[in-house]
Amino acid sequence: MYQKRLHHDGHTRRFEVAEASGGWEVRTEEDSQLVKHVRYDDWHRVERAVMSIRLEVLTLQEAGWVAD
């Protein structure tokens, strides 16, 4: 549903929102380490999570991170 991977100075950040049975999973990884894993069953919460991720991605890109 949504995936974005960024890299900068040998570091990697990965964001993913995917459908799961009965809801959606939101995952954030830094250098292959799971930082956040949340499961939602309310679409409005998923929308807010995606908006938050997009803002974080934009901020990282402005700081020099590059999308794969």
C-alpha atoms as a PDB file:
ATOM      1  CA  MET A   1       0.000   0.000   0.000  1.00  0.00           C
ATOM      2  CA  TYR A   2       2.803   2.407   0.923  1.00  0.00           C
ATOM      3  CA  GLN A   3       6.538   1.794   0.975  1.00  0.00           C
ATOM      4  CA  LYS A   4       9.457   4.186   1.088  1.00  0.00           C
ATOM      5  CA  ARG A   5      13.135   3.502   1.657  1.00  0.00           C
ATOM      6  CA  LEU A   6      15.683   6.261   2.173  1.00  0.00           C
ATOM      7  CA  HIS A   7      19.432   6.174   2.630  1.00  0.00           C
ATOM      8  CA  HIS A   8      22.087   8.648   3.770  1.00  0.00           C
ATOM      9  CA  ASP A   9      25.707   8.255   4.900  1.00  0.00           C
ATOM     10  CA  GLY A  10      25.472   4.456   5.105  1.00  0.00           C
ATOM     11  CA  HIS A  11      22.205   4.501   7.044  1.00  0.00           C
ATOM     12  CA  THR A  12      18.811   3.305   5.860  1.00  0.00           C
ATOM     13  CA  ARG A  13      15.258   4.176   6.928  1.00  0.00           C
ATOM     14  CA  ARG A  14      12.302   2.114   5.711  1.00  0.00           C
ATOM     15  CA  PHE A  15       8.608   2.919   6.073  1.00  0.00           C
ATOM     16  CA  GLU A  16       5.785   0.521   5.204  1.00  0.00           C
ATOM     17  CA  VAL A  17       2.006   0.476   5.497  1.00  0.00           C
ATOM     18  CA  ALA A  18       0.398  -2.805   4.431  1.00  0.00           C
ATOM     19  CA  GLU A  19      -2.947  -4.538   4.667  1.00  0.00           C
ATOM     20  CA  ALA A  20      -3.122  -7.305   7.240  1.00  0.00           C
ATOM     21  CA  SER A  21      -6.008  -9.578   8.120  1.00  0.00           C
ATOM     22  CA  GLY A  22      -8.666  -7.371   9.660  1.00  0.00           C
ATOM     23  CA  GLY A  23      -6.651  -4.161   9.430  1.00  0.00           C
ATOM     24  CA  TRP A  24      -3.358  -2.540   8.502  1.00  0.00           C
ATOM     25  CA  GLU A  25       0.202  -2.718   9.793  1.00  0.00           C
ATOM     26  CA  VAL A  26       2.495   0.295  10.014  1.00  0.00           C
ATOM     27  CA  ARG A  27       6.231  -0.432  10.293  1.00  0.00           C
ATOM     28  CA  THR A  28       9.306   1.760  10.567  1.00  0.00           C
ATOM     29  CA  GLU A  29      12.847   0.386  10.428  1.00  0.00           C
ATOM     30  CA  GLU A  30      16.216   2.059  10.921  1.00  0.00           C
ATOM     31  CA  ASP A  31      19.288   0.183   9.660  1.00  0.00           C
ATOM     32  CA  SER A  32      17.229  -3.066   9.518  1.00  0.00           C
ATOM     33  CA  GLN A  33      16.144  -2.639  13.152  1.00  0.00           C
ATOM     34  CA  LEU A  34      12.406  -2.493  13.806  1.00  0.00           C
ATOM     35  CA  VAL A  35      11.651   0.847  15.468  1.00  0.00           C
ATOM     36  CA  LYS A  36       7.860   0.919  15.288  1.00  0.00           C
ATOM     37  CA  HIS A  37       5.218  -1.678  14.535  1.00  0.00           C
ATOM     38  CA  VAL A  38       1.568  -0.774  14.997  1.00  0.00           C
ATOM     39  CA  ARG A  39      -1.576  -2.563  13.859  1.00  0.00           C
ATOM     40  CA  TYR A  40      -4.706  -0.513  13.185  1.00  0.00           C
ATOM     41  CA  ASP A  41      -8.254  -1.565  12.437  1.00  0.00           C
ATOM     42  CA  ASP A  42      -9.512   2.003  11.929  1.00  0.00           C
ATOM     43  CA  TRP A  43      -8.827   3.482   8.479  1.00  0.00           C
ATOM     44  CA  HIS A  44      -8.730   7.050   9.848  1.00  0.00           C
ATOM     45  CA  ARG A  45      -5.798   6.151  12.101  1.00  0.00           C
ATOM     46  CA  VAL A  46      -4.023   4.649   9.091  1.00  0.00           C
ATOM     47  CA  GLU A  47      -4.560   7.878   7.156  1.00  0.00           C
ATOM     48  CA  ARG A  48      -3.026   9.885  10.006  1.00  0.00           C
ATOM     49  CA  ALA A  49      -0.095   7.455  10.231  1.00  0.00           C
ATOM     50  CA  VAL A  50       0.567   7.786   6.480  1.00  0.00           C
ATOM     51  CA  MET A  51       0.438  11.596   6.713  1.00  0.00           C
ATOM     52  CA  SER A  52       2.932  11.458   9.573  1.00  0.00           C
ATOM     53  CA  ILE A  53       5.234   9.147   7.617  1.00  0.00           C
ATOM     54  CA  ARG A  54       5.077  11.376   4.533  1.00  0.00           C
ATOM     55  CA  LEU A  55       6.005  14.401   6.635  1.00  0.00           C
ATOM     56  CA  GLU A  56       8.938  12.508   8.171  1.00  0.00           C
ATOM     57  CA  VAL A  57      10.090  11.366   4.705  1.00  0.00           C
ATOM     58  CA  LEU A  58       9.896  14.941   3.382  1.00  0.00           C
ATOM     59  CA  THR A  59      11.896  16.215   6.371  1.00  0.00           C
ATOM     60  CA  LEU A  60      14.544  13.523   5.868  1.00  0.00           C
ATOM     61  CA  GLN A  61      14.804  14.280   2.147  1.00  0.00           C
ATOM     62  CA  GLU A  62      15.273  17.973   2.899  1.00  0.00           C
ATOM     63  CA  ALA A  63      18.134  16.894   5.203  1.00  0.00           C
ATOM     64  CA  GLY A  64      19.848  15.006   2.364  1.00  0.00           C
ATOM     65  CA  TRP A  65      18.326  11.518   2.560  1.00  0.00           C
ATOM     66  CA  VAL A  66      17.716   9.929  -0.864  1.00  0.00           C
ATOM     67  CA  ALA A  67      14.952   7.527  -1.912  1.00  0.00           C
ATOM     68  CA  ASP A  68      15.947   4.183  -3.420  1.00  0.00           C
END
